[in-house]
């Protein structure tokens, strides 16, 4: 049985770290994925020690910080800014016992047209550089391919080839339901079973509306079981791969951002639990 997890993107416009922690604890979530941008706001009025104390006295635990984005083909200035944010995340993760930081390939019209070898070579190089930074903090990287073709790494196959080449215990994968669906409508969901257990770090659960690929976007995510993604098949595949962590609800739906955060978090628990 998987655990129940929550990703703060789900209410990022209508909640806060402090409120998310309280509500996730109230509705029985086991893990939370904290957002780095929301953490920066939280730390304006709270300390890391306060965050650490919350987790020490609560059932809810931290799981993966979200996220370091656009990691590929950085300019020197972009890389400097990325490393600054990443190091901030590593310090937070170490302090609160958060095992993973999610890292995301680059999205741009120019870079998405690069050939697969260039993307492979750059991704291997970048993940090694970031792992060099993260490992002294005891933090692991979870590389998340984004199914939309606008991102330079958009399939699990491609991402697994990259993390296999990196060949470090601290570098693995995030499997996200909508990203698998956006890549090929889950035609190759069985590929998930081929991911070595030690390389499957994070699982995001979500559903989506029935829009054509190319029109479907991340704002079209909806609660699990309310859309067209074969959630049961996805869950069974990650279980077959040996994954035993949380199914973390991750939604970017503006409609949910306009609702009361407690209603969204409660509904998220109710709709996700049947798939665990």
C-alpha atoms as a PDB file:
ATOM      1  CA  UNK A   1       0.000   0.000   0.000  1.00  0.00           C
ATOM      2  CA  UNK A   2       1.285   3.435  -0.925  1.00  0.00           C
ATOM      3  CA  UNK A   3       1.322   6.386   1.478  1.00  0.00           C
ATOM      4  CA  UNK A   4      -0.726   9.561   1.064  1.00  0.00           C
ATOM      5  CA  UNK A   5       1.253  12.600  -0.054  1.00  0.00           C
ATOM      6  CA  UNK A   6       0.525  16.222  -0.920  1.00  0.00           C
ATOM      7  CA  UNK A   7       2.377  18.600  -3.222  1.00  0.00           C
ATOM      8  CA  UNK A   8       2.009  22.303  -2.406  1.00  0.00           C
ATOM      9  CA  UNK A   9       1.423  23.256  -6.055  1.00  0.00           C
ATOM     10  CA  UNK A  10      -2.145  22.057  -5.484  1.00  0.00           C
ATOM     11  CA  UNK A  11      -2.989  25.166  -3.423  1.00  0.00           C
ATOM     12  CA  UNK A  12       0.001  27.363  -4.124  1.00  0.00           C
ATOM     13  CA  UNK A  13      -2.127  30.461  -4.857  1.00  0.00           C
ATOM     14  CA  UNK A  14      -4.609  30.114  -1.989  1.00  0.00           C
ATOM     15  CA  UNK A  15      -2.556  28.740   0.884  1.00  0.00           C
ATOM     16  CA  UNK A  16       0.805  28.917   2.655  1.00  0.00           C
ATOM     17  CA  UNK A  17       3.340  26.500   4.079  1.00  0.00           C
ATOM     18  CA  UNK A  18       1.957  27.002   7.576  1.00  0.00           C
ATOM     19  CA  UNK A  19      -1.628  26.343   6.488  1.00  0.00           C
ATOM     20  CA  UNK A  20      -0.664  23.380   4.287  1.00  0.00           C
ATOM     21  CA  UNK A  21       1.153  21.751   7.194  1.00  0.00           C
ATOM     22  CA  UNK A  22      -1.831  22.149   9.491  1.00  0.00           C
ATOM     23  CA  UNK A  23      -4.378  20.929   6.941  1.00  0.00           C
ATOM     24  CA  UNK A  24      -2.314  17.961   5.751  1.00  0.00           C
ATOM     25  CA  UNK A  25      -1.871  16.876   9.348  1.00  0.00           C
ATOM     26  CA  UNK A  26      -5.611  17.306   9.960  1.00  0.00           C
ATOM     27  CA  UNK A  27      -6.633  15.166   6.968  1.00  0.00           C
ATOM     28  CA  UNK A  28      -4.160  12.387   7.558  1.00  0.00           C
ATOM     29  CA  UNK A  29      -1.547  12.914   4.877  1.00  0.00           C
ATOM     30  CA  UNK A  30       1.675  11.017   5.537  1.00  0.00           C
ATOM     31  CA  UNK A  31       4.059  13.193   3.510  1.00  0.00           C
ATOM     32  CA  UNK A  32       4.269  16.671   2.027  1.00  0.00           C
ATOM     33  CA  UNK A  33       6.292  18.042  -0.887  1.00  0.00           C
ATOM     34  CA  UNK A  34       7.191  21.611   0.023  1.00  0.00           C
ATOM     35  CA  UNK A  35       7.694  24.270  -2.662  1.00  0.00           C
ATOM     36  CA  UNK A  36      10.878  26.302  -2.527  1.00  0.00           C
ATOM     37  CA  UNK A  37       9.114  29.568  -3.437  1.00  0.00           C
ATOM     38  CA  UNK A  38       6.565  29.035  -0.668  1.00  0.00           C
ATOM     39  CA  UNK A  39       9.335  28.123   1.771  1.00  0.00           C
ATOM     40  CA  UNK A  40      11.035  31.447   1.108  1.00  0.00           C
ATOM     41  CA  UNK A  41       7.807  33.224   2.074  1.00  0.00           C
ATOM     42  CA  UNK A  42       7.438  31.031   5.160  1.00  0.00           C
ATOM     43  CA  UNK A  43      10.961  31.828   6.311  1.00  0.00           C
ATOM     44  CA  UNK A  44      10.207  35.555   6.298  1.00  0.00           C
ATOM     45  CA  UNK A  45       8.157  35.043   9.466  1.00  0.00           C
ATOM     46  CA  UNK A  46       9.316  31.613  10.706  1.00  0.00           C
ATOM     47  CA  UNK A  47      12.621  29.861  11.335  1.00  0.00           C
ATOM     48  CA  UNK A  48      13.950  26.585  10.008  1.00  0.00           C
ATOM     49  CA  UNK A  49      13.928  25.355  13.617  1.00  0.00           C
ATOM     50  CA  UNK A  50      10.172  25.976  13.790  1.00  0.00           C
ATOM     51  CA  UNK A  51       9.688  23.927  10.622  1.00  0.00           C
ATOM     52  CA  UNK A  52      11.919  21.172  11.968  1.00  0.00           C
ATOM     53  CA  UNK A  53      10.015  21.167  15.261  1.00  0.00           C
ATOM     54  CA  UNK A  54       6.692  20.773  13.431  1.00  0.00           C
ATOM     55  CA  UNK A  55       7.861  17.639  11.674  1.00  0.00           C
ATOM     56  CA  UNK A  56       9.397  16.194  14.822  1.00  0.00           C
ATOM     57  CA  UNK A  57       6.080  16.373  16.670  1.00  0.00           C
ATOM     58  CA  UNK A  58       3.751  15.548  13.779  1.00  0.00           C
ATOM     59  CA  UNK A  59       2.703  12.477  11.823  1.00  0.00           C
ATOM     60  CA  UNK A  60       3.265  14.427   8.591  1.00  0.00           C
ATOM     61  CA  UNK A  61       6.817  14.237   7.221  1.00  0.00           C
ATOM     62  CA  UNK A  62       8.698  16.050   4.424  1.00  0.00           C
ATOM     63  CA  UNK A  63       9.444  14.088   1.264  1.00  0.00           C
ATOM     64  CA  UNK A  64      10.606  16.103  -1.755  1.00  0.00           C
ATOM     65  CA  UNK A  65      11.294  19.784  -2.293  1.00  0.00           C
ATOM     66  CA  UNK A  66       9.851  21.235  -5.516  1.00  0.00           C
ATOM     67  CA  UNK A  67      11.554  22.128  -7.678  1.00  0.00           C
ATOM     68  CA  UNK A  68      14.727  23.110  -9.468  1.00  0.00           C
ATOM     69  CA  UNK A  69      13.587  23.855 -13.007  1.00  0.00           C
ATOM     70  CA  UNK A  70      15.226  24.518 -16.374  1.00  0.00           C
ATOM     71  CA  UNK A  71      18.425  22.672 -15.496  1.00  0.00           C
ATOM     72  CA  UNK A  72      19.585  22.138 -19.096  1.00  0.00           C
ATOM     73  CA  UNK A  73      21.786  24.321 -21.315  1.00  0.00           C
ATOM     74  CA  UNK A  74      22.120  27.122 -18.772  1.00  0.00           C
ATOM     75  CA  UNK A  75      24.083  30.298 -19.394  1.00  0.00           C
ATOM     76  CA  UNK A  76      26.709  31.053 -16.709  1.00  0.00           C
ATOM     77  CA  UNK A  77      24.319  33.532 -15.076  1.00  0.00           C
ATOM     78  CA  UNK A  78      21.419  31.078 -15.158  1.00  0.00           C
ATOM     79  CA  UNK A  79      23.600  28.359 -13.671  1.00  0.00           C
ATOM     80  CA  UNK A  80      24.771  30.641 -10.861  1.00  0.00           C
ATOM     81  CA  UNK A  81      21.167  31.448  -9.934  1.00  0.00           C
ATOM     82  CA  UNK A  82      20.158  27.806 -10.187  1.00  0.00           C
ATOM     83  CA  UNK A  83      22.976  26.672  -7.903  1.00  0.00           C
ATOM     84  CA  UNK A  84      22.075  29.354  -5.365  1.00  0.00           C
ATOM     85  CA  UNK A  85      18.467  28.123  -5.172  1.00  0.00           C
ATOM     86  CA  UNK A  86      19.540  24.492  -5.204  1.00  0.00           C
ATOM     87  CA  UNK A  87      21.990  25.022  -2.339  1.00  0.00           C
ATOM     88  CA  UNK A  88      19.261  26.798  -0.374  1.00  0.00           C
ATOM     89  CA  UNK A  89      17.070  23.742  -0.925  1.00  0.00           C
ATOM     90  CA  UNK A  90      19.834  21.384   0.174  1.00  0.00           C
ATOM     91  CA  UNK A  91      20.326  23.290   3.432  1.00  0.00           C
ATOM     92  CA  UNK A  92      16.598  23.196   4.170  1.00  0.00           C
ATOM     93  CA  UNK A  93      16.359  19.525   3.247  1.00  0.00           C
ATOM     94  CA  UNK A  94      19.230  18.589   5.519  1.00  0.00           C
ATOM     95  CA  UNK A  95      17.779  20.557   8.440  1.00  0.00           C
ATOM     96  CA  UNK A  96      14.292  19.013   8.279  1.00  0.00           C
ATOM     97  CA  UNK A  97      15.175  15.485   7.134  1.00  0.00           C
ATOM     98  CA  UNK A  98      13.774  15.890   3.619  1.00  0.00           C
ATOM     99  CA  UNK A  99      15.305  13.166   1.391  1.00  0.00           C
ATOM    100  CA  UNK A 100      14.702  14.430  -2.168  1.00  0.00           C
ATOM    101  CA  UNK A 101      14.822  17.527  -4.350  1.00  0.00           C
ATOM    102  CA  UNK A 102      12.969  17.308  -7.668  1.00  0.00           C
ATOM    103  CA  UNK A 103      14.868  18.622 -10.683  1.00  0.00           C
ATOM    104  CA  UNK A 104      13.167  19.391 -13.993  1.00  0.00           C
ATOM    105  CA  UNK A 105      14.468  19.656 -17.582  1.00  0.00           C
ATOM    106  CA  UNK A 106      14.369  22.910 -19.517  1.00  0.00           C
ATOM    107  CA  UNK A 107      11.322  24.188 -21.398  1.00  0.00           C
ATOM    108  CA  UNK A 108      11.850  26.475 -24.401  1.00  0.00           C
ATOM    109  CA  UNK A 109      11.017  26.514 -28.081  1.00  0.00           C
ATOM    110  CA  UNK A 110      14.693  26.521 -29.001  1.00  0.00           C
ATOM    111  CA  UNK A 111      15.969  23.876 -26.591  1.00  0.00           C
ATOM    112  CA  UNK A 112      13.120  21.410 -27.133  1.00  0.00           C
ATOM    113  CA  UNK A 113      14.365  21.055 -30.712  1.00  0.00           C
ATOM    114  CA  UNK A 114      17.826  19.870 -29.664  1.00  0.00           C
ATOM    115  CA  UNK A 115      18.628  16.287 -30.596  1.00  0.00           C
ATOM    116  CA  UNK A 116      18.368  13.554 -28.008  1.00  0.00           C
ATOM    117  CA  UNK A 117      22.126  12.991 -27.729  1.00  0.00           C
ATOM    118  CA  UNK A 118      22.717  16.647 -26.867  1.00  0.00           C
ATOM    119  CA  UNK A 119      19.976  16.494 -24.227  1.00  0.00           C
ATOM    120  CA  UNK A 120      21.426  13.229 -22.878  1.00  0.00           C
ATOM    121  CA  UNK A 121      24.971  14.588 -22.647  1.00  0.00           C
ATOM    122  CA  UNK A 122      23.938  17.861 -21.025  1.00  0.00           C
ATOM    123  CA  UNK A 123      21.572  16.172 -18.558  1.00  0.00           C
ATOM    124  CA  UNK A 124      24.210  13.671 -17.423  1.00  0.00           C
ATOM    125  CA  UNK A 125      26.704  16.478 -16.909  1.00  0.00           C
ATOM    126  CA  UNK A 126      24.260  18.699 -15.014  1.00  0.00           C
ATOM    127  CA  UNK A 127      22.908  15.940 -12.771  1.00  0.00           C
ATOM    128  CA  UNK A 128      26.447  14.979 -11.817  1.00  0.00           C
ATOM    129  CA  UNK A 129      27.265  18.586 -10.939  1.00  0.00           C
ATOM    130  CA  UNK A 130      24.129  18.932  -8.818  1.00  0.00           C
ATOM    131  CA  UNK A 131      24.735  15.574  -7.132  1.00  0.00           C
ATOM    132  CA  UNK A 132      28.218  16.761  -6.190  1.00  0.00           C
ATOM    133  CA  UNK A 133      26.556  19.649  -4.350  1.00  0.00           C
ATOM    134  CA  UNK A 134      23.717  17.628  -2.819  1.00  0.00           C
ATOM    135  CA  UNK A 135      25.466  14.517  -1.561  1.00  0.00           C
ATOM    136  CA  UNK A 136      27.356  16.233   1.297  1.00  0.00           C
ATOM    137  CA  UNK A 137      23.935  17.376   2.582  1.00  0.00           C
ATOM    138  CA  UNK A 138      22.554  13.822   2.385  1.00  0.00           C
ATOM    139  CA  UNK A 139      20.088  14.862  -0.333  1.00  0.00           C
ATOM    140  CA  UNK A 140      19.083  12.927  -3.454  1.00  0.00           C
ATOM    141  CA  UNK A 141      17.938  14.275  -6.846  1.00  0.00           C
ATOM    142  CA  UNK A 142      14.700  13.083  -8.417  1.00  0.00           C
ATOM    143  CA  UNK A 143      14.750  13.881 -12.144  1.00  0.00           C
ATOM    144  CA  UNK A 144      11.250  14.459 -13.573  1.00  0.00           C
ATOM    145  CA  UNK A 145      10.653  14.198 -17.328  1.00  0.00           C
ATOM    146  CA  UNK A 146       7.796  16.470 -18.435  1.00  0.00           C
ATOM    147  CA  UNK A 147       5.554  14.796 -21.024  1.00  0.00           C
ATOM    148  CA  UNK A 148       4.854  17.901 -23.091  1.00  0.00           C
ATOM    149  CA  UNK A 149       7.158  18.157 -26.127  1.00  0.00           C
ATOM    150  CA  UNK A 150       8.105  21.703 -25.124  1.00  0.00           C
ATOM    151  CA  UNK A 151      10.405  20.209 -22.485  1.00  0.00           C
ATOM    152  CA  UNK A 152      13.709  18.804 -23.708  1.00  0.00           C
ATOM    153  CA  UNK A 153      13.339  15.530 -21.777  1.00  0.00           C
ATOM    154  CA  UNK A 154       9.770  14.318 -22.022  1.00  0.00           C
ATOM    155  CA  UNK A 155       9.709  10.526 -21.692  1.00  0.00           C
ATOM    156  CA  UNK A 156      10.469   8.099 -18.894  1.00  0.00           C
ATOM    157  CA  UNK A 157      12.559   6.040 -21.298  1.00  0.00           C
ATOM    158  CA  UNK A 158      14.806   9.007 -22.058  1.00  0.00           C
ATOM    159  CA  UNK A 159      15.002  10.012 -18.388  1.00  0.00           C
ATOM    160  CA  UNK A 160      15.858   6.481 -17.258  1.00  0.00           C
ATOM    161  CA  UNK A 161      18.679   6.322 -19.801  1.00  0.00           C
ATOM    162  CA  UNK A 162      20.027   9.568 -18.357  1.00  0.00           C
ATOM    163  CA  UNK A 163      19.925   8.572 -14.673  1.00  0.00           C
ATOM    164  CA  UNK A 164      21.321   5.123 -15.527  1.00  0.00           C
ATOM    165  CA  UNK A 165      24.290   6.799 -17.222  1.00  0.00           C
ATOM    166  CA  UNK A 166      24.785   9.092 -14.225  1.00  0.00           C
ATOM    167  CA  UNK A 167      24.978   5.911 -12.127  1.00  0.00           C
ATOM    168  CA  UNK A 168      24.854   7.463  -8.682  1.00  0.00           C
ATOM    169  CA  UNK A 169      22.757   6.226  -5.773  1.00  0.00           C
ATOM    170  CA  UNK A 170      21.692   9.821  -5.184  1.00  0.00           C
ATOM    171  CA  UNK A 171      20.078  10.310  -8.623  1.00  0.00           C
ATOM    172  CA  UNK A 172      16.733   8.761  -9.589  1.00  0.00           C
ATOM    173  CA  UNK A 173      13.359   9.479 -11.171  1.00  0.00           C
ATOM    174  CA  UNK A 174       9.992  11.081 -10.528  1.00  0.00           C
ATOM    175  CA  UNK A 175       7.037   9.402 -12.235  1.00  0.00           C
ATOM    176  CA  UNK A 176       4.077  11.767 -12.704  1.00  0.00           C
ATOM    177  CA  UNK A 177       0.747  10.500 -14.034  1.00  0.00           C
ATOM    178  CA  UNK A 178      -0.025  13.424 -16.316  1.00  0.00           C
ATOM    179  CA  UNK A 179       3.498  13.519 -17.704  1.00  0.00           C
ATOM    180  CA  UNK A 180       3.233   9.885 -18.742  1.00  0.00           C
ATOM    181  CA  UNK A 181      -0.182  10.637 -20.256  1.00  0.00           C
ATOM    182  CA  UNK A 182       1.002  13.756 -22.091  1.00  0.00           C
ATOM    183  CA  UNK A 183       3.879  11.828 -23.655  1.00  0.00           C
ATOM    184  CA  UNK A 184       1.830   9.068 -25.318  1.00  0.00           C
ATOM    185  CA  UNK A 185      -1.556   8.792 -23.547  1.00  0.00           C
ATOM    186  CA  UNK A 186      -0.040   6.107 -21.280  1.00  0.00           C
ATOM    187  CA  UNK A 187       0.453   3.751 -24.231  1.00  0.00           C
ATOM    188  CA  UNK A 188       3.725   2.632 -22.631  1.00  0.00           C
ATOM    189  CA  UNK A 189       2.614   2.577 -19.008  1.00  0.00           C
ATOM    190  CA  UNK A 190       4.129  -0.898 -18.681  1.00  0.00           C
ATOM    191  CA  UNK A 191       7.570   0.665 -19.084  1.00  0.00           C
ATOM    192  CA  UNK A 192       7.256   1.906 -15.498  1.00  0.00           C
ATOM    193  CA  UNK A 193       7.620  -1.695 -14.326  1.00  0.00           C
ATOM    194  CA  UNK A 194      11.096  -1.736 -15.865  1.00  0.00           C
ATOM    195  CA  UNK A 195      12.386   1.089 -13.675  1.00  0.00           C
ATOM    196  CA  UNK A 196      14.726  -0.381 -11.049  1.00  0.00           C
ATOM    197  CA  UNK A 197      13.310   0.009  -7.549  1.00  0.00           C
ATOM    198  CA  UNK A 198      16.384   1.919  -6.420  1.00  0.00           C
ATOM    199  CA  UNK A 199      15.846   4.501  -9.184  1.00  0.00           C
ATOM    200  CA  UNK A 200      12.156   5.260  -8.549  1.00  0.00           C
ATOM    201  CA  UNK A 201      12.216   8.029  -5.948  1.00  0.00           C
ATOM    202  CA  UNK A 202       8.936   9.977  -6.267  1.00  0.00           C
ATOM    203  CA  UNK A 203       5.431   9.293  -7.602  1.00  0.00           C
ATOM    204  CA  UNK A 204       2.975  12.123  -8.414  1.00  0.00           C
ATOM    205  CA  UNK A 205      -0.694  11.227  -8.700  1.00  0.00           C
ATOM    206  CA  UNK A 206      -3.188  13.329 -10.665  1.00  0.00           C
ATOM    207  CA  UNK A 207      -5.778  13.050 -13.409  1.00  0.00           C
ATOM    208  CA  UNK A 208      -6.674  15.261 -16.356  1.00  0.00           C
ATOM    209  CA  UNK A 209      -9.443  16.332 -18.660  1.00  0.00           C
ATOM    210  CA  UNK A 210     -10.048  14.656 -22.024  1.00  0.00           C
ATOM    211  CA  UNK A 211      -8.265  17.126 -24.284  1.00  0.00           C
ATOM    212  CA  UNK A 212      -6.079  16.264 -27.301  1.00  0.00           C
ATOM    213  CA  UNK A 213      -2.336  16.099 -26.799  1.00  0.00           C
ATOM    214  CA  UNK A 214      -0.891  19.454 -27.755  1.00  0.00           C
ATOM    215  CA  UNK A 215      -3.958  21.179 -26.286  1.00  0.00           C
ATOM    216  CA  UNK A 216      -3.844  19.469 -22.888  1.00  0.00           C
ATOM    217  CA  UNK A 217      -1.790  21.468 -20.403  1.00  0.00           C
ATOM    218  CA  UNK A 218      -0.827  21.216 -16.750  1.00  0.00           C
ATOM    219  CA  UNK A 219      -3.634  23.580 -15.732  1.00  0.00           C
ATOM    220  CA  UNK A 220      -6.025  20.819 -16.899  1.00  0.00           C
ATOM    221  CA  UNK A 221      -5.056  18.514 -14.029  1.00  0.00           C
ATOM    222  CA  UNK A 222      -7.938  17.329 -11.851  1.00  0.00           C
ATOM    223  CA  UNK A 223      -8.471  15.075  -8.841  1.00  0.00           C
ATOM    224  CA  UNK A 224      -7.571  11.380  -9.267  1.00  0.00           C
ATOM    225  CA  UNK A 225     -10.445   9.346 -10.678  1.00  0.00           C
ATOM    226  CA  UNK A 226     -12.200  12.372 -12.196  1.00  0.00           C
ATOM    227  CA  UNK A 227     -10.530  12.248 -15.614  1.00  0.00           C
ATOM    228  CA  UNK A 228      -9.116  10.009 -18.351  1.00  0.00           C
ATOM    229  CA  UNK A 229      -5.738   8.859 -17.009  1.00  0.00           C
ATOM    230  CA  UNK A 230      -5.675   5.119 -16.127  1.00  0.00           C
ATOM    231  CA  UNK A 231      -4.731   5.796 -12.522  1.00  0.00           C
ATOM    232  CA  UNK A 232      -5.145   2.203 -11.337  1.00  0.00           C
ATOM    233  CA  UNK A 233      -2.772   0.961 -14.042  1.00  0.00           C
ATOM    234  CA  UNK A 234      -0.256   3.670 -13.144  1.00  0.00           C
ATOM    235  CA  UNK A 235      -0.392   2.795  -9.446  1.00  0.00           C
ATOM    236  CA  UNK A 236      -0.040  -0.919 -10.131  1.00  0.00           C
ATOM    237  CA  UNK A 237       2.945  -0.240 -12.366  1.00  0.00           C
ATOM    238  CA  UNK A 238       4.841   1.777  -9.735  1.00  0.00           C
ATOM    239  CA  UNK A 239       4.022  -0.866  -7.127  1.00  0.00           C
ATOM    240  CA  UNK A 240       5.322  -3.571  -9.462  1.00  0.00           C
ATOM    241  CA  UNK A 241       8.544  -1.605  -9.803  1.00  0.00           C
ATOM    242  CA  UNK A 242       8.916  -1.920  -6.024  1.00  0.00           C
ATOM    243  CA  UNK A 243       7.942   1.628  -5.069  1.00  0.00           C
ATOM    244  CA  UNK A 244       6.585   1.881  -1.512  1.00  0.00           C
ATOM    245  CA  UNK A 245       6.577   5.634  -0.919  1.00  0.00           C
ATOM    246  CA  UNK A 246       3.806   8.212  -1.130  1.00  0.00           C
ATOM    247  CA  UNK A 247       1.493   8.974  -4.016  1.00  0.00           C
ATOM    248  CA  UNK A 248       1.827  12.759  -3.878  1.00  0.00           C
ATOM    249  CA  UNK A 249      -1.146  14.726  -5.171  1.00  0.00           C
ATOM    250  CA  UNK A 250       0.178  17.424  -7.514  1.00  0.00           C
ATOM    251  CA  UNK A 251      -2.279  19.702  -9.288  1.00  0.00           C
ATOM    252  CA  UNK A 252      -1.874  23.103 -10.968  1.00  0.00           C
ATOM    253  CA  UNK A 253      -5.545  23.860 -11.535  1.00  0.00           C
ATOM    254  CA  UNK A 254      -6.597  27.542 -11.260  1.00  0.00           C
ATOM    255  CA  UNK A 255     -10.115  26.450 -10.310  1.00  0.00           C
ATOM    256  CA  UNK A 256      -8.726  24.806  -7.165  1.00  0.00           C
ATOM    257  CA  UNK A 257      -6.689  27.925  -6.362  1.00  0.00           C
ATOM    258  CA  UNK A 258      -9.960  29.862  -6.185  1.00  0.00           C
ATOM    259  CA  UNK A 259     -11.468  27.428  -3.653  1.00  0.00           C
ATOM    260  CA  UNK A 260     -10.911  27.297   0.066  1.00  0.00           C
ATOM    261  CA  UNK A 261      -7.640  25.444   0.593  1.00  0.00           C
ATOM    262  CA  UNK A 262      -9.172  23.189   3.250  1.00  0.00           C
ATOM    263  CA  UNK A 263     -11.822  21.988   0.805  1.00  0.00           C
ATOM    264  CA  UNK A 264      -9.182  21.177  -1.808  1.00  0.00           C
ATOM    265  CA  UNK A 265      -6.899  19.339   0.622  1.00  0.00           C
ATOM    266  CA  UNK A 266      -9.810  17.386   2.091  1.00  0.00           C
ATOM    267  CA  UNK A 267     -11.074  16.467  -1.378  1.00  0.00           C
ATOM    268  CA  UNK A 268      -7.554  15.480  -2.386  1.00  0.00           C
ATOM    269  CA  UNK A 269      -7.298  13.010   0.482  1.00  0.00           C
ATOM    270  CA  UNK A 270     -10.718  11.559  -0.291  1.00  0.00           C
ATOM    271  CA  UNK A 271     -10.069  11.055  -3.997  1.00  0.00           C
ATOM    272  CA  UNK A 272      -6.483   9.775  -3.667  1.00  0.00           C
ATOM    273  CA  UNK A 273      -6.937   7.214  -0.862  1.00  0.00           C
ATOM    274  CA  UNK A 274      -8.917   4.675  -2.978  1.00  0.00           C
ATOM    275  CA  UNK A 275      -5.910   4.312  -5.309  1.00  0.00           C
ATOM    276  CA  UNK A 276      -3.308   3.688  -2.619  1.00  0.00           C
END
